[in-house]
Amino acid sequence: MDIDDLVLSENYNDRISSIESPVYLVGDLGATNFRLAAAAMQNGKPKILAKVDYDTAKIDGEITGGLSIIDIIEDFGRRAKNHGISEFKAAVLAPAGPVLDNGQSCRISQRDNIEVKIRDLYSYGISKAMIINDFGAIGYALPYIDYKNTQEAACLQKGTDPENIEVIGCIGPGTGLGAVSTQSEKYPDELVAEKSMVCLSEIFGRLYQYFPNFLQKRIKKSIQKELNKKKLVLPRPCEGGHIPASVSNHGIEQLINNLITDYRTDELDEKVISLEYEDFVSARGIGNISRAYKEIIKTNIFRTLFNKVPLREWKNMLEEIWNLKRDYRQNKEEYEKLFGIIDEKVRNNEITQIGSEIGEYNRGDLLLVDRTLDLFFEMYGRAARDAIMAQGPDLMLLAGGIAGKYIGSDEKGEQKAHHEHYVGLFQKGLMKNPVSRNNYTKNIPIYQIINPDIGLIGCTLAAHELAGYD
């Protein structure tokens, strides 16, 4: 089975020779990509040394005899060894899914056949290992994001720079919609004192006990000063993506909402009363929205409206529906191709993969694609607004690869073509609020993380801590 080659970091040889910590095995494991990396600390910051993106769909060893988790780990280990990385001091894997059995295992969301088990890491020979939620990993990394660097993040709302950043909020649309808040605190004085004694013991052994008191105090003060610069990072992943979505009760948005509600009713045993943000702001959400637009285009317009929307709302959406149907007639061949893909993905229960197909189109190619992304970004803004109200952060950093495809800068440092358009829709959703709440949300700086290695960075920090380093 073909597996992608190992991708070495820029200036790999310089990095591998100057790392200041052992090398760790880290993994960001999603329903689409199963990413493993070798990482270490360099100049006090986590650095990714080498990585491989595996196709998650090919990992099904327990069912079909294909690649298993341990096969993937062993393959990565062999590749890393060929580039001078002989062992891993610790390992942290972050699957997209709930961690079960007191941290012993996790089934990847949307890939129930794939179970990540900590014993696979032990069997590979790594004694210090941990499985954490994918947004738990992101939570570790948030304080290390240089959010004002345009290569790492894109500004969605400048807000007011806080004097002290103690709580960082985050949501991120991927296969689902994840959420985490990170509390960053100074080390308590008693912990600083304890660590100072440990540092003295490690540096000088028992000799420090014979130092004169004034010298001991000076050494402790120096160590305490250094430790006081550091912070305890406490990530708190949660299920914020399952908050009920704020959906407009008029216009075509209400029709989309009603259609998606029907899809959810078909999939569950009990009727869904209200949709969640994850039903809109995720890969599954893009699939839901595009599927609903397809139904609007392909079915009898008046029957659809009669069944789904009160008569008083017809006027608000008729023009938009006619525009969609006209665009379909003008681009029928391309629409039918897309509709065939949507139908196939729905039949195979692969609705989360529709988003990658949508991403192949440029803005202006198909009106359905444009409207799908427009609603996605407006709902993204509303989801961020409600997360801010719930988490009370000093800073909001948004993660997930979907938004990063359309906003921010490209590899050349140039702003992406429709950045302003999508940021405008995000802000429209963000500010769909009573004035009193807008006064709160408008002061919070909001940035979209565009560094694709955010999950791996968080795992590196967690592994460094697990290995016994600060």
Protein backbone atom coordinates (compact mmCIF):
# COMPACT_ATOMS: atom_id res chain seq x y z
CA MET A 1 0.00 0.00 0.00
CA ASP A 2 1.39 3.38 -1.00
CA ILE A 3 2.21 5.74 1.84
CA ASP A 4 3.35 9.33 1.50
CA ASP A 5 7.03 10.05 1.99
CA LEU A 6 8.39 11.53 5.17
CA VAL A 7 8.31 15.33 4.97
CA LEU A 8 11.30 16.89 6.69
CA SER A 9 11.10 20.35 8.19
CA GLU A 10 13.00 23.23 6.64
CA ASN A 11 16.63 23.26 7.82
CA TYR A 12 16.11 19.77 9.24
CA ASN A 13 19.82 19.05 9.74
CA ASP A 14 20.32 22.28 11.70
CA ARG A 15 17.29 21.58 13.83
CA ILE A 16 18.14 17.99 14.62
CA SER A 17 21.61 19.05 15.78
CA SER A 18 20.40 21.91 17.99
CA ILE A 19 17.37 20.47 19.75
CA GLU A 20 17.36 20.90 23.50
CA SER A 21 15.07 18.02 24.43
CA PRO A 22 14.54 14.39 23.48
CA VAL A 23 12.50 13.65 20.37
CA TYR A 24 8.81 12.83 20.80
CA LEU A 25 6.31 10.92 18.69
CA VAL A 26 3.19 13.04 18.24
CA GLY A 27 0.01 12.53 16.26
CA ASP A 28 -2.97 14.58 15.11
CA LEU A 29 -5.47 11.90 14.13
CA GLY A 30 -8.58 12.94 12.25
CA ALA A 31 -11.23 11.28 10.13
CA THR A 32 -9.46 12.40 6.94
CA ASN A 33 -5.75 12.58 7.77
CA PHE A 34 -3.80 10.50 10.27
CA ARG A 35 -0.74 12.71 10.88
CA LEU A 36 2.32 11.47 12.73
CA ALA A 37 5.39 13.57 13.45
CA ALA A 38 8.73 13.58 15.23
CA ALA A 39 9.01 16.73 17.32
CA ALA A 40 11.20 18.34 19.97
CA MET A 41 11.75 21.59 21.85
CA GLN A 42 14.12 24.15 20.35
CA ASN A 43 14.86 27.53 21.92
CA GLY A 44 11.96 26.99 24.29
CA LYS A 45 9.45 26.39 21.50
CA PRO A 46 7.99 23.21 20.02
CA LYS A 47 9.37 22.29 16.60
CA ILE A 48 8.13 19.70 14.13
CA LEU A 49 11.15 17.85 12.72
CA ALA A 50 9.52 15.40 10.32
CA LYS A 51 5.97 14.27 9.57
CA VAL A 52 3.84 11.98 7.44
CA ASP A 53 0.18 12.42 6.51
CA TYR A 54 -1.47 9.00 6.23
CA ASP A 55 -4.91 8.47 4.70
CA THR A 56 -7.21 7.60 7.60
CA ALA A 57 -9.57 5.72 5.27
CA LYS A 58 -6.85 3.12 4.63
CA ILE A 59 -6.42 2.29 8.31
CA ASP A 60 -8.82 -0.59 8.88
CA GLY A 61 -6.63 -3.48 9.95
CA GLU A 62 -9.05 -4.92 12.49
CA ILE A 63 -11.77 -5.27 9.85
CA THR A 64 -10.21 -6.00 6.46
CA GLY A 65 -6.63 -6.91 7.27
CA GLY A 66 -5.31 -3.61 5.92
CA LEU A 67 -3.10 -1.18 7.80
CA SER A 68 -3.48 -1.17 11.58
CA ILE A 69 -2.48 1.56 14.02
CA ILE A 70 0.66 -0.33 15.03
CA ASP A 71 1.55 -0.79 11.33
CA ILE A 72 1.41 2.98 10.88
CA ILE A 73 3.49 3.66 14.00
CA GLU A 74 6.12 1.12 12.95
CA ASP A 75 6.23 2.53 9.42
CA PHE A 76 6.76 6.03 10.73
CA GLY A 77 9.44 4.80 13.14
CA ARG A 78 11.37 3.18 10.29
CA ARG A 79 11.22 6.32 8.20
CA ALA A 80 12.31 8.51 11.11
CA LYS A 81 15.21 6.16 11.88
CA ASN A 82 16.47 6.53 8.32
CA HIS A 83 16.83 10.24 9.04
CA GLY A 84 18.73 9.95 12.30
CA ILE A 85 15.87 9.74 14.81
CA SER A 86 16.52 6.50 16.65
CA GLU A 87 14.05 6.66 19.54
CA PHE A 88 11.16 8.59 21.02
CA LYS A 89 11.30 9.64 24.67
CA ALA A 90 7.52 10.01 24.94
CA ALA A 91 4.45 9.88 22.73
CA VAL A 92 1.19 11.82 22.68
CA LEU A 93 -1.55 11.05 20.17
CA ALA A 94 -4.59 13.30 19.78
CA PRO A 95 -7.50 11.60 17.98
CA ALA A 96 -10.63 13.48 16.98
CA GLY A 97 -13.05 11.82 19.35
CA PRO A 98 -13.87 11.18 23.00
CA VAL A 99 -11.05 9.63 25.03
CA LEU A 100 -12.34 6.56 26.89
CA ASP A 101 -11.30 4.10 29.59
CA ASN A 102 -9.40 6.66 31.65
CA GLY A 103 -7.18 7.67 28.74
CA GLN A 104 -6.59 4.17 27.40
CA SER A 105 -8.33 4.44 24.03
CA CYS A 106 -10.28 6.59 21.61
CA ARG A 107 -12.46 5.87 18.59
CA ILE A 108 -12.04 8.45 15.84
CA SER A 109 -15.28 10.32 15.13
CA GLN A 110 -16.83 9.38 11.78
CA ARG A 111 -14.44 6.38 11.68
CA ASP A 112 -15.86 4.02 14.28
CA ASN A 113 -13.78 1.13 12.93
CA ILE A 114 -10.56 2.85 14.03
CA GLU A 115 -9.69 2.65 17.71
CA VAL A 116 -6.48 4.27 18.92
CA LYS A 117 -5.12 2.38 21.94
CA ILE A 118 -2.36 3.43 24.27
CA ARG A 119 -1.11 -0.15 24.42
CA ASP A 120 -0.03 0.19 20.76
CA LEU A 121 2.47 2.82 21.89
CA TYR A 122 3.64 0.65 24.77
CA SER A 123 4.10 -2.33 22.45
CA TYR A 124 6.24 -0.16 20.19
CA GLY A 125 8.54 0.44 23.15
CA ILE A 126 7.49 3.90 24.33
CA SER A 127 6.99 3.77 28.09
CA LYS A 128 5.68 7.32 28.52
CA ALA A 129 2.58 7.67 26.39
CA MET A 130 -0.71 9.50 26.50
CA ILE A 131 -3.88 9.83 24.43
CA ILE A 132 -5.66 13.19 24.55
CA ASN A 133 -8.54 14.72 22.63
CA ASP A 134 -7.56 16.59 19.46
CA PHE A 135 -8.84 19.87 20.87
CA GLY A 136 -7.07 19.16 24.13
CA ALA A 137 -3.88 19.19 22.05
CA ILE A 138 -4.88 22.47 20.41
CA GLY A 139 -5.51 23.86 23.88
CA TYR A 140 -1.88 23.19 24.86
CA ALA A 141 -0.68 25.07 21.78
CA LEU A 142 -2.87 28.18 21.98
CA PRO A 143 -0.55 30.26 24.25
CA TYR A 144 2.31 29.58 21.83
CA ILE A 145 0.54 30.94 18.74
CA ASP A 146 1.98 34.25 17.53
CA TYR A 147 -1.45 35.40 16.46
CA LYS A 148 -0.26 38.75 15.11
CA ASN A 149 2.07 36.99 12.68
CA THR A 150 0.19 36.75 9.37
CA GLN A 151 1.95 33.47 8.62
CA GLU A 152 0.35 31.92 11.70
CA ALA A 153 -3.05 33.59 11.97
CA ALA A 154 -5.50 35.84 10.12
CA CYS A 155 -7.33 38.67 11.86
CA LEU A 156 -11.12 38.34 11.87
CA GLN A 157 -11.73 41.05 14.47
CA LYS A 158 -9.01 43.24 15.90
CA GLY A 159 -10.85 44.01 19.14
CA THR A 160 -8.98 45.52 22.06
CA ASP A 161 -5.60 44.08 23.01
CA PRO A 162 -5.90 42.68 26.54
CA GLU A 163 -3.24 43.62 29.09
CA ASN A 164 -3.08 40.04 30.32
CA ILE A 165 -4.21 36.99 28.40
CA GLU A 166 -5.32 34.41 30.94
CA VAL A 167 -8.14 32.65 29.08
CA ILE A 168 -7.98 31.81 25.37
CA GLY A 169 -11.12 30.47 23.73
CA CYS A 170 -11.17 28.34 20.60
CA ILE A 171 -13.59 26.60 18.27
CA GLY A 172 -12.58 24.83 15.10
CA PRO A 173 -14.56 23.31 12.23
CA GLY A 174 -13.09 20.11 10.88
CA THR A 175 -14.97 16.86 10.42
CA GLY A 176 -17.06 18.11 13.35
CA LEU A 177 -16.93 21.33 15.36
CA GLY A 178 -14.50 21.15 18.27
CA ALA A 179 -14.13 23.57 21.16
CA VAL A 180 -11.60 24.22 23.92
CA SER A 181 -10.68 26.96 26.34
CA THR A 182 -7.20 27.29 27.77
CA GLN A 183 -6.40 28.89 31.08
CA SER A 184 -2.84 30.11 31.39
CA GLU A 185 -1.63 30.88 34.90
CA LYS A 186 1.63 31.71 36.62
CA TYR A 187 3.17 28.98 38.70
CA PRO A 188 1.96 29.29 42.33
CA ASP A 189 4.68 30.50 44.71
CA GLU A 190 4.80 27.20 46.60
CA LEU A 191 5.25 25.29 43.34
CA VAL A 192 8.01 27.68 42.27
CA ALA A 193 9.80 27.08 45.58
CA GLU A 194 9.45 23.32 45.21
CA LYS A 195 10.75 23.36 41.64
CA SER A 196 13.63 25.60 42.71
CA MET A 197 14.78 22.97 45.20
CA VAL A 198 14.49 20.29 42.52
CA CYS A 199 16.52 22.42 40.10
CA LEU A 200 19.22 23.02 42.70
CA SER A 201 19.39 19.32 43.45
CA GLU A 202 19.61 18.41 39.77
CA ILE A 203 22.30 21.00 39.04
CA PHE A 204 24.49 20.66 42.12
CA GLY A 205 23.45 17.33 43.64
CA ARG A 206 23.83 17.27 47.42
CA LEU A 207 26.49 19.96 47.15
CA TYR A 208 23.91 22.75 47.28
CA GLN A 209 23.22 21.89 50.94
CA TYR A 210 26.70 23.16 51.82
CA PHE A 211 26.36 26.53 50.06
CA PRO A 212 26.30 29.54 52.37
CA ASN A 213 22.75 30.76 53.01
CA PHE A 214 23.21 34.01 51.09
CA LEU A 215 24.39 32.04 48.02
CA GLN A 216 21.51 29.57 48.30
CA LYS A 217 19.06 32.48 48.42
CA ARG A 218 20.65 34.10 45.39
CA ILE A 219 20.49 30.85 43.39
CA LYS A 220 16.88 30.20 44.43
CA LYS A 221 15.90 33.75 43.55
CA SER A 222 17.43 33.38 40.09
CA ILE A 223 15.65 30.08 39.49
CA GLN A 224 12.36 31.44 40.82
CA LYS A 225 12.64 34.45 38.52
CA GLU A 226 13.07 32.14 35.55
CA LEU A 227 10.18 29.90 36.59
CA ASN A 228 7.92 32.90 37.14
CA LYS A 229 8.25 33.68 33.43
CA LYS A 230 6.61 30.34 32.66
CA LYS A 231 2.96 29.52 32.90
CA LEU A 232 0.82 26.56 33.69
CA VAL A 233 -1.29 25.76 30.64
CA LEU A 234 -4.62 24.14 31.49
CA PRO A 235 -6.59 23.16 28.37
CA ARG A 236 -10.25 22.32 28.88
CA PRO A 237 -11.74 20.65 25.77
CA CYS A 238 -15.53 20.61 25.68
CA GLU A 239 -18.47 19.82 23.42
CA GLY A 240 -19.16 23.43 22.45
CA GLY A 241 -19.91 22.41 18.87
CA HIS A 242 -23.15 20.85 20.09
CA ILE A 243 -24.64 24.13 21.34
CA PRO A 244 -28.02 24.76 19.64
CA ALA A 245 -27.47 26.90 16.55
CA SER A 246 -28.91 30.38 16.22
CA VAL A 247 -30.85 30.23 12.94
CA SER A 248 -32.75 33.10 11.34
CA ASN A 249 -36.51 32.54 11.17
CA HIS A 250 -36.99 34.15 7.77
CA GLY A 251 -35.63 33.91 4.25
CA ILE A 252 -33.97 30.94 2.61
CA GLU A 253 -31.94 30.26 5.76
CA GLN A 254 -35.08 29.00 7.47
CA LEU A 255 -35.77 26.70 4.53
CA ILE A 256 -32.22 25.32 4.71
CA ASN A 257 -32.67 24.81 8.45
CA ASN A 258 -35.91 22.88 7.98
CA LEU A 259 -34.42 20.65 5.30
CA ILE A 260 -31.36 19.79 7.39
CA THR A 261 -33.62 19.07 10.36
CA ASP A 262 -35.36 16.47 8.19
CA TYR A 263 -32.02 14.84 7.40
CA ARG A 264 -31.22 14.62 11.09
CA THR A 265 -34.66 13.17 11.80
CA ASP A 266 -33.99 10.42 9.26
CA GLU A 267 -30.72 9.48 10.95
CA LEU A 268 -31.88 9.44 14.58
CA ASP A 269 -34.55 7.54 16.43
CA GLU A 270 -36.16 10.65 17.83
CA LYS A 271 -37.12 13.90 16.17
CA VAL A 272 -34.55 16.70 16.31
CA ILE A 273 -36.08 19.86 17.75
CA SER A 274 -33.23 22.24 16.93
CA LEU A 275 -29.98 21.92 15.04
CA GLU A 276 -26.53 22.36 16.53
CA TYR A 277 -23.71 24.54 15.24
CA GLU A 278 -21.90 21.39 14.14
CA ASP A 279 -24.76 20.78 11.68
CA PHE A 280 -23.62 23.91 9.81
CA VAL A 281 -20.03 24.72 10.80
CA SER A 282 -18.05 21.59 9.93
CA ALA A 283 -17.32 19.30 7.01
CA ARG A 284 -20.63 17.61 7.79
CA GLY A 285 -22.24 21.05 7.87
CA ILE A 286 -21.00 21.91 4.38
CA GLY A 287 -22.41 18.57 3.24
CA ASN A 288 -25.75 19.36 4.90
CA ILE A 289 -26.01 22.85 3.41
CA SER A 290 -25.06 21.80 -0.13
CA ARG A 291 -27.47 18.86 0.07
CA ALA A 292 -30.28 21.22 1.09
CA TYR A 293 -29.50 23.61 -1.77
CA LYS A 294 -29.54 20.66 -4.17
CA GLU A 295 -33.02 19.74 -2.96
CA ILE A 296 -34.22 23.33 -3.41
CA ILE A 297 -32.96 23.35 -7.00
CA LYS A 298 -34.23 19.90 -7.99
CA THR A 299 -37.69 19.79 -6.38
CA ASN A 300 -40.90 21.63 -7.17
CA ILE A 301 -40.43 25.07 -5.71
CA PHE A 302 -43.99 25.66 -4.49
CA ARG A 303 -44.36 22.20 -2.97
CA THR A 304 -41.08 22.70 -1.13
CA LEU A 305 -42.11 26.10 0.20
CA PHE A 306 -45.61 24.96 1.10
CA ASN A 307 -44.30 22.07 3.18
CA LYS A 308 -41.41 23.85 4.85
CA VAL A 309 -42.01 27.59 5.19
CA PRO A 310 -44.98 29.78 6.23
CA LEU A 311 -46.60 31.68 3.37
CA ARG A 312 -45.53 35.05 4.82
CA GLU A 313 -41.89 34.12 4.25
CA TRP A 314 -42.20 33.16 0.58
CA LYS A 315 -41.46 36.64 -0.70
CA ASN A 316 -38.11 36.73 1.12
CA MET A 317 -36.77 33.70 -0.70
CA LEU A 318 -38.46 33.45 -4.10
CA GLU A 319 -35.89 35.62 -5.86
CA GLU A 320 -32.98 33.66 -4.44
CA ILE A 321 -34.56 30.34 -5.41
CA TRP A 322 -35.17 31.55 -8.96
CA ASN A 323 -31.52 32.66 -9.14
CA LEU A 324 -30.40 29.19 -8.07
CA LYS A 325 -32.64 27.48 -10.62
CA ARG A 326 -31.47 29.82 -13.38
CA ASP A 327 -27.83 29.13 -12.53
CA TYR A 328 -28.62 25.41 -12.66
CA ARG A 329 -30.07 25.73 -16.16
CA GLN A 330 -27.02 27.67 -17.34
CA ASN A 331 -24.52 25.18 -15.84
CA LYS A 332 -26.58 22.00 -15.89
CA GLU A 333 -23.78 19.61 -16.79
CA GLU A 334 -21.53 20.79 -13.95
CA TYR A 335 -24.42 20.81 -11.48
CA GLU A 336 -25.43 17.25 -12.36
CA LYS A 337 -21.85 16.13 -11.84
CA LEU A 338 -21.83 17.71 -8.37
CA PHE A 339 -25.31 16.35 -7.56
CA GLY A 340 -24.12 12.85 -8.45
CA ILE A 341 -21.23 13.20 -6.01
CA ILE A 342 -23.54 14.50 -3.27
CA ASP A 343 -25.98 11.61 -3.77
CA GLU A 344 -23.17 9.06 -3.70
CA LYS A 345 -21.66 10.48 -0.51
CA VAL A 346 -25.05 10.53 1.20
CA ARG A 347 -25.73 6.90 0.21
CA ASN A 348 -22.34 5.82 1.54
CA ASN A 349 -22.73 7.83 4.75
CA GLU A 350 -19.75 9.97 3.71
CA ILE A 351 -21.42 13.37 3.87
CA THR A 352 -18.35 14.86 5.58
CA GLN A 353 -16.40 14.35 2.35
CA ILE A 354 -18.67 16.61 0.29
CA GLY A 355 -16.75 19.62 1.59
CA SER A 356 -13.57 18.56 -0.21
CA GLU A 357 -15.56 18.40 -3.47
CA ILE A 358 -17.01 21.85 -2.82
CA GLY A 359 -13.47 23.11 -2.25
CA GLU A 360 -12.51 22.21 -5.82
CA TYR A 361 -14.68 25.02 -7.20
CA ASN A 362 -13.70 28.68 -7.47
CA ARG A 363 -16.04 31.41 -6.33
CA GLY A 364 -18.35 32.25 -9.22
CA ASP A 365 -18.32 28.76 -10.76
CA LEU A 366 -21.62 27.60 -9.26
CA LEU A 367 -24.08 29.67 -7.23
CA LEU A 368 -24.83 26.66 -5.02
CA VAL A 369 -21.18 26.47 -3.96
CA ASP A 370 -21.02 30.21 -3.28
CA ARG A 371 -24.18 30.17 -1.16
CA THR A 372 -23.03 27.08 0.75
CA LEU A 373 -19.79 28.77 1.80
CA ASP A 374 -21.56 32.06 2.54
CA LEU A 375 -23.90 30.38 5.02
CA PHE A 376 -21.01 28.38 6.49
CA PHE A 377 -19.03 31.53 7.30
CA GLU A 378 -22.01 33.46 8.66
CA MET A 379 -22.89 30.55 10.96
CA TYR A 380 -19.20 30.33 11.87
CA GLY A 381 -19.42 33.91 13.14
CA ARG A 382 -22.50 33.08 15.22
CA ALA A 383 -20.81 30.00 16.66
CA ALA A 384 -17.79 32.13 17.64
CA ARG A 385 -20.10 34.72 19.20
CA ASP A 386 -21.86 32.12 21.36
CA ALA A 387 -18.53 30.54 22.32
CA ILE A 388 -17.26 33.94 23.46
CA MET A 389 -20.38 34.46 25.54
CA ALA A 390 -19.96 31.02 27.14
CA GLN A 391 -16.17 30.91 27.62
CA GLY A 392 -15.47 34.55 28.50
CA PRO A 393 -12.02 34.61 26.86
CA ASP A 394 -9.51 37.45 26.70
CA LEU A 395 -8.59 36.25 23.20
CA MET A 396 -10.40 34.01 20.70
CA LEU A 397 -8.29 31.85 18.39
CA LEU A 398 -10.14 29.76 15.81
CA ALA A 399 -8.72 26.51 14.47
CA GLY A 400 -9.63 23.96 11.81
CA GLY A 401 -8.49 23.62 8.23
CA ILE A 402 -11.76 24.47 6.45
CA ALA A 403 -11.76 28.21 7.15
CA GLY A 404 -8.02 28.43 6.56
CA LYS A 405 -8.57 27.34 2.96
CA TYR A 406 -10.51 30.53 2.22
CA ILE A 407 -9.13 33.23 4.51
CA GLY A 408 -5.68 34.47 5.50
CA SER A 409 -2.53 34.56 3.40
CA ASP A 410 -1.20 32.05 0.91
CA GLU A 411 2.32 30.60 0.87
CA LYS A 412 3.62 33.73 -0.86
CA GLY A 413 2.23 35.94 1.90
CA GLU A 414 -0.50 37.34 -0.35
CA GLN A 415 -4.06 37.62 0.89
CA LYS A 416 -6.37 34.96 -0.50
CA ALA A 417 -8.72 36.10 -3.24
CA HIS A 418 -11.97 36.24 -1.28
CA HIS A 419 -10.59 36.83 2.20
CA GLU A 420 -12.48 40.10 2.72
CA HIS A 421 -15.78 38.61 1.54
CA TYR A 422 -15.68 35.66 3.92
CA VAL A 423 -14.38 37.72 6.84
CA GLY A 424 -17.28 40.11 6.23
CA LEU A 425 -19.77 37.24 6.45
CA PHE A 426 -18.08 35.97 9.61
CA GLN A 427 -18.40 39.43 11.17
CA LYS A 428 -22.03 39.63 10.07
CA GLY A 429 -22.76 36.44 12.01
CA LEU A 430 -20.64 37.60 14.93
CA MET A 431 -22.61 40.82 15.29
CA LYS A 432 -26.10 39.33 14.86
CA ASN A 433 -26.78 40.18 18.46
CA PRO A 434 -28.66 42.54 20.72
CA VAL A 435 -26.60 45.73 21.10
CA SER A 436 -25.74 44.96 24.73
CA ARG A 437 -24.04 41.71 23.73
CA ASN A 438 -22.32 43.28 20.72
CA ASN A 439 -20.60 45.69 23.11
CA TYR A 440 -19.00 42.66 24.74
CA THR A 441 -18.07 40.58 21.70
CA LYS A 442 -16.69 43.50 19.67
CA ASN A 443 -13.86 44.01 22.18
CA ILE A 444 -12.53 40.45 21.95
CA PRO A 445 -9.64 39.96 19.49
CA ILE A 446 -10.48 37.08 17.12
CA TYR A 447 -7.93 35.37 14.89
CA GLN A 448 -8.08 32.33 12.62
CA ILE A 449 -5.08 30.04 13.09
CA ILE A 450 -3.66 29.11 9.69
CA ASN A 451 -0.69 27.10 10.94
CA PRO A 452 -1.65 23.55 9.88
CA ASP A 453 0.54 21.98 12.58
CA ILE A 454 -1.34 23.42 15.55
CA GLY A 455 -2.44 19.97 16.79
CA LEU A 456 1.07 18.53 16.48
CA ILE A 457 2.51 21.53 18.33
CA GLY A 458 0.10 20.95 21.21
CA CYS A 459 0.99 17.25 21.35
CA THR A 460 4.69 18.19 21.49
CA LEU A 461 4.12 20.42 24.51
CA ALA A 462 2.07 17.71 26.21
CA ALA A 463 4.79 15.12 25.47
CA HIS A 464 7.49 17.43 26.85
CA GLU A 465 5.51 17.77 30.06
CA LEU A 466 4.85 14.02 30.17
CA ALA A 467 8.56 13.33 29.83
CA GLY A 468 9.19 15.37 32.97
CA TYR A 469 10.36 18.68 31.54
CA ASP A 470 9.03 22.21 32.06
